[in-house]
C-alpha cells in the first residue's frame, strides 16, 4: 500500500507548478424568450496563463442553473465536475480589455459542453449545451483571481518574509494527504510519523500548521503532507515539496 501511495504522489506532483484560483460567475438576463443559465465555480491553474496563452485545468465542480425559454419556464439545478482549457486574450487583441475563455466537458463525459467567455462584452457571449442538444446563454465574468498564501513550494514558504515559523516535535497522526479526493480511502487508519511547523502570518496573526514527511518508505523519498489552519481545516496539500489544492489566500 505504501509503495502504491508513493507512486501516485510522484505522478501527481510531476505536473504541479504555480497555484492560482480563478472564481467565475455567470448571470443570465431575465429574458423569457431565451434559454439561459446561471453558474458559479472556480478553477485552479498551475501556470501563468498570461505568459503561455492557454493552460489545462483538472476537474472542478460548477454549480449550474438552467432555465428554458417560455413564460412557464422549466428550471434545472445541477453540479458538474468539469475539466478543460483556460485561454487568455490580451487587451487590444480582440477587445479593449483582456478576457478569458473556459472550455470544457464534464469529467463523466455525459455530453454537456461548456464555453464561457469571461469579461467579454455581450449579453449572450457564453454557452452551455446540454446532452439533449439544447443551448443556454449567459454573460460571465472573472470575479476573483487569488494566489495561494503559501507560495508554490515548501521552499518558498520557508523563505517567505510574510511569516514567522516555529518547529514543533514530530508526531504520529492520521494522514490527511488524500482528504477531499477520490483516493481518500487510502488515508483510513494510516498514521504516519510527520514533522510539524507552525507558520504565523505577521500582518493578520493567522496560524497554519504544516505536516510533512521526511525520507521513509511511505513517501518514496519525497516530501508530502498537508497544511491546516488554526481550526484544524485542511487548506492545502503537499506533493514532492509542491503546494497545491490551496484554499488559503
Protein backbone atom coordinates (compact mmCIF):
# COMPACT_ATOMS: atom_id res chain seq x y z
CA UNK A 1 0.00 0.00 0.00
CA UNK A 2 2.80 2.43 0.87
CA UNK A 3 4.50 1.79 -2.47
CA UNK A 4 1.21 2.49 -4.23
CA UNK A 5 0.83 5.75 -2.30
CA UNK A 6 4.33 6.80 -3.27
CA UNK A 7 3.73 6.06 -6.94
CA UNK A 8 0.52 8.09 -7.00
CA UNK A 9 2.19 11.06 -5.31
CA UNK A 10 5.00 11.01 -7.85
CA UNK A 11 2.55 11.02 -10.75
CA UNK A 12 0.53 13.88 -9.31
CA UNK A 13 3.45 16.05 -8.22
CA UNK A 14 5.13 15.92 -11.61
CA UNK A 15 2.54 18.27 -13.11
CA UNK A 16 2.37 20.80 -10.28
CA UNK A 17 3.50 24.36 -11.00
CA UNK A 18 2.02 27.69 -9.94
CA UNK A 19 -1.13 27.81 -7.86
CA UNK A 20 -3.84 30.35 -8.73
CA UNK A 21 -7.58 30.07 -8.16
CA UNK A 22 -9.91 31.91 -10.54
CA UNK A 23 -13.51 32.40 -9.38
CA UNK A 24 -16.21 32.56 -12.06
CA UNK A 25 -19.78 33.82 -12.04
CA UNK A 26 -22.37 33.83 -14.83
CA UNK A 27 -25.62 35.79 -14.52
CA UNK A 28 -28.38 35.38 -17.08
CA UNK A 29 -30.69 38.21 -18.06
CA UNK A 30 -34.34 37.68 -17.23
CA UNK A 31 -35.48 37.32 -20.83
CA UNK A 32 -38.25 34.72 -21.26
CA UNK A 33 -37.58 34.20 -24.97
CA UNK A 34 -34.05 32.85 -24.25
CA UNK A 35 -32.74 29.59 -22.85
CA UNK A 36 -30.40 30.91 -20.16
CA UNK A 37 -28.16 29.81 -17.30
CA UNK A 38 -26.52 30.95 -14.08
CA UNK A 39 -23.23 29.45 -12.95
CA UNK A 40 -20.81 29.67 -10.03
CA UNK A 41 -17.48 27.94 -9.61
CA UNK A 42 -13.72 28.25 -9.62
CA UNK A 43 -10.80 26.70 -11.44
CA UNK A 44 -7.29 26.09 -10.17
CA UNK A 45 -4.40 26.52 -12.57
CA UNK A 46 -0.70 25.79 -12.14
CA UNK A 47 0.77 28.06 -14.82
CA UNK A 48 0.78 31.79 -15.54
CA UNK A 49 -1.84 31.76 -18.27
CA UNK A 50 -0.93 35.31 -19.35
CA UNK A 51 2.50 34.07 -20.40
CA UNK A 52 1.57 30.75 -22.03
CA UNK A 53 -1.76 31.86 -23.61
CA UNK A 54 -3.64 28.74 -22.53
CA UNK A 55 -3.45 26.02 -19.92
CA UNK A 56 -5.47 23.00 -18.92
CA UNK A 57 -7.30 22.64 -15.62
CA UNK A 58 -8.34 19.43 -13.89
CA UNK A 59 -11.87 18.58 -12.80
CA UNK A 60 -13.58 21.36 -10.85
CA UNK A 61 -17.21 21.47 -9.75
CA UNK A 62 -19.51 24.10 -11.28
CA UNK A 63 -22.95 24.84 -9.80
CA UNK A 64 -25.34 25.45 -12.71
CA UNK A 65 -28.96 26.54 -13.04
CA UNK A 66 -30.57 26.35 -16.49
CA UNK A 67 -33.89 27.98 -17.40
CA UNK A 68 -35.79 27.05 -20.54
CA UNK A 69 -37.35 29.73 -22.70
CA UNK A 70 -41.01 30.49 -22.11
CA UNK A 71 -43.19 32.15 -19.53
CA UNK A 72 -43.85 28.82 -17.80
CA UNK A 73 -40.14 28.11 -17.85
CA UNK A 74 -38.59 24.89 -16.60
CA UNK A 75 -35.61 25.32 -14.30
CA UNK A 76 -32.99 22.71 -13.54
CA UNK A 77 -30.21 22.94 -10.95
CA UNK A 78 -27.23 20.60 -11.02
CA UNK A 79 -23.49 20.30 -10.42
CA UNK A 80 -20.87 19.20 -12.95
CA UNK A 81 -17.24 18.27 -12.40
CA UNK A 82 -15.69 19.91 -15.46
CA UNK A 83 -12.18 19.65 -16.90
CA UNK A 84 -10.86 21.63 -19.85
CA UNK A 85 -8.82 24.62 -21.01
CA UNK A 86 -8.45 28.23 -19.89
CA UNK A 87 -7.24 30.61 -22.59
CA UNK A 88 -6.11 34.22 -22.27
CA UNK A 89 -6.71 37.01 -24.81
CA UNK A 90 -4.67 40.14 -24.05
CA UNK A 91 -6.09 43.64 -24.12
CA UNK A 92 -6.26 45.06 -27.61
CA UNK A 93 -6.24 41.73 -29.44
CA UNK A 94 -10.00 41.46 -29.92
CA UNK A 95 -11.43 43.78 -27.29
CA UNK A 96 -10.27 46.83 -25.37
CA UNK A 97 -9.71 44.84 -22.18
CA UNK A 98 -8.31 41.35 -21.65
CA UNK A 99 -10.68 38.40 -21.41
CA UNK A 100 -10.53 34.63 -20.88
CA UNK A 101 -12.35 31.64 -22.28
CA UNK A 102 -13.13 28.47 -20.35
CA UNK A 103 -13.94 25.46 -22.48
CA UNK A 104 -14.64 22.09 -21.01
CA UNK A 105 -16.56 18.86 -20.74
CA UNK A 106 -17.81 17.08 -17.64
CA UNK A 107 -15.42 14.55 -16.20
CA UNK A 108 -18.05 11.85 -16.75
CA UNK A 109 -18.36 12.80 -20.48
CA UNK A 110 -22.15 12.91 -20.37
CA UNK A 111 -22.28 15.31 -23.32
CA UNK A 112 -22.70 18.70 -21.68
CA UNK A 113 -20.35 21.22 -23.33
CA UNK A 114 -19.32 24.45 -21.61
CA UNK A 115 -17.91 27.51 -23.40
CA UNK A 116 -17.58 30.55 -21.12
CA UNK A 117 -16.20 33.95 -22.15
CA UNK A 118 -15.08 35.77 -19.01
CA UNK A 119 -15.29 39.58 -19.15
CA UNK A 120 -16.17 39.53 -22.84
CA UNK A 121 -18.69 42.19 -23.92
CA UNK A 122 -22.08 40.91 -24.95
CA UNK A 123 -25.16 39.71 -23.10
CA UNK A 124 -25.10 36.18 -24.56
CA UNK A 125 -21.36 35.54 -25.02
CA UNK A 126 -21.26 32.28 -23.00
CA UNK A 127 -22.92 28.97 -23.87
CA UNK A 128 -23.80 25.69 -22.22
CA UNK A 129 -25.03 22.88 -24.47
CA UNK A 130 -26.64 20.02 -22.58
CA UNK A 131 -26.70 16.37 -23.58
CA UNK A 132 -30.15 16.78 -25.16
CA UNK A 133 -28.72 19.34 -27.62
CA UNK A 134 -30.37 22.38 -26.02
CA UNK A 135 -28.24 25.55 -25.78
CA UNK A 136 -28.34 28.06 -22.92
CA UNK A 137 -26.83 31.56 -22.91
CA UNK A 138 -25.40 33.89 -20.27
CA UNK A 139 -22.81 36.57 -19.58
CA UNK A 140 -19.85 35.54 -17.42
CA UNK A 141 -17.11 37.33 -15.55
CA UNK A 142 -13.98 36.67 -13.55
CA UNK A 143 -14.88 37.85 -10.06
CA UNK A 144 -11.62 36.99 -8.28
CA UNK A 145 -8.11 35.83 -9.09
CA UNK A 146 -6.31 34.61 -5.99
CA UNK A 147 -2.81 33.26 -5.41
CA UNK A 148 -2.03 30.79 -2.65
CA UNK A 149 -0.87 32.46 0.56
CA UNK A 150 1.97 29.97 0.99
CA UNK A 151 3.54 30.23 -2.45
CA UNK A 152 4.14 27.31 -4.77
CA UNK A 153 6.58 25.19 -2.72
CA UNK A 154 7.66 24.50 0.85
CA UNK A 155 10.92 26.26 0.00
CA UNK A 156 9.03 29.45 -0.87
CA UNK A 157 7.04 29.18 2.35
CA UNK A 158 10.19 28.69 4.44
CA UNK A 159 11.86 31.73 2.82
CA UNK A 160 8.77 33.95 2.92
CA UNK A 161 9.06 37.15 4.92
CA UNK A 162 5.29 37.13 5.47
CA UNK A 163 5.51 34.50 8.21
CA UNK A 164 7.17 33.72 11.50
CA UNK A 165 7.78 30.00 11.98
CA UNK A 166 8.23 27.59 14.87
CA UNK A 167 9.30 23.95 14.61
CA UNK A 168 7.29 21.50 16.73
CA UNK A 169 8.09 17.94 17.73
CA UNK A 170 7.32 15.04 15.36
CA UNK A 171 4.11 13.11 15.93
CA UNK A 172 2.22 10.10 14.61
CA UNK A 173 -1.16 11.30 13.35
CA UNK A 174 -3.98 10.40 10.98
CA UNK A 175 -2.94 11.14 7.40
CA UNK A 176 -4.89 13.84 5.52
CA UNK A 177 -2.90 13.65 2.29
CA UNK A 178 -5.86 12.41 0.24
CA UNK A 179 -8.65 14.18 2.11
CA UNK A 180 -11.19 15.61 -0.30
CA UNK A 181 -10.04 13.49 -3.25
CA UNK A 182 -11.28 10.30 -4.87
CA UNK A 183 -8.40 8.45 -3.15
CA UNK A 184 -9.46 9.48 0.36
CA UNK A 185 -9.83 5.84 1.40
CA UNK A 186 -6.03 5.48 1.29
CA UNK A 187 -5.82 7.64 4.44
CA UNK A 188 -8.18 5.48 6.50
CA UNK A 189 -6.43 4.16 9.59
CA UNK A 190 -2.99 5.29 8.38
CA UNK A 191 -0.97 7.28 10.93
CA UNK A 192 2.47 8.19 9.59
CA UNK A 193 5.18 9.98 11.54
CA UNK A 194 5.24 13.60 10.41
CA UNK A 195 7.27 16.70 11.17
CA UNK A 196 5.36 19.88 12.09
CA UNK A 197 5.99 23.58 11.67
CA UNK A 198 3.65 26.39 12.73
CA UNK A 199 3.64 29.46 10.47
CA UNK A 200 2.14 32.72 11.74
CA UNK A 201 1.25 35.41 9.21
CA UNK A 202 2.79 38.62 10.51
CA UNK A 203 0.10 41.04 9.34
CA UNK A 204 -3.00 39.11 10.43
CA UNK A 205 -1.76 36.77 13.13
CA UNK A 206 -3.32 33.79 11.33
CA UNK A 207 -1.66 30.49 12.21
CA UNK A 208 -1.16 27.48 9.95
CA UNK A 209 0.44 24.13 10.76
CA UNK A 210 2.39 22.29 8.08
CA UNK A 211 2.50 18.49 8.44
CA UNK A 212 5.07 16.78 6.23
CA UNK A 213 7.03 13.58 5.92
CA UNK A 214 10.73 13.01 5.52
CA UNK A 215 12.71 10.26 3.78
CA UNK A 216 10.97 6.97 4.50
CA UNK A 217 9.24 4.11 2.68
CA UNK A 218 5.85 5.83 2.72
CA UNK A 219 6.76 8.99 0.82
CA UNK A 220 9.29 7.38 -1.53
CA UNK A 221 11.92 9.97 -0.59
CA UNK A 222 9.66 12.92 -1.45
CA UNK A 223 8.22 15.44 0.99
CA UNK A 224 4.43 15.05 1.08
CA UNK A 225 1.78 16.17 3.52
CA UNK A 226 -0.83 18.86 4.14
CA UNK A 227 -1.45 22.25 5.80
CA UNK A 228 -4.13 23.04 8.39
CA UNK A 229 -5.50 26.34 9.68
CA UNK A 230 -5.93 27.12 13.38
CA UNK A 231 -9.38 25.46 13.39
CA UNK A 232 -7.99 22.19 12.04
CA UNK A 233 -9.33 22.62 8.49
CA UNK A 234 -7.12 21.28 5.72
CA UNK A 235 -6.24 24.26 3.49
CA UNK A 236 -3.57 22.83 1.17
CA UNK A 237 -1.84 19.65 0.07
CA UNK A 238 1.87 18.96 -0.35
CA UNK A 239 3.38 16.68 -3.01
CA UNK A 240 7.12 16.42 -3.68
CA UNK A 241 7.51 19.70 -1.74
CA UNK A 242 5.00 21.48 -4.02
CA UNK A 243 1.92 23.14 -2.51
CA UNK A 244 -1.37 22.61 -4.35
CA UNK A 245 -5.16 22.47 -3.84
CA UNK A 246 -4.75 25.65 -1.79
CA UNK A 247 -7.69 27.28 -0.02
CA UNK A 248 -5.78 29.99 1.87
CA UNK A 249 -5.31 33.38 0.23
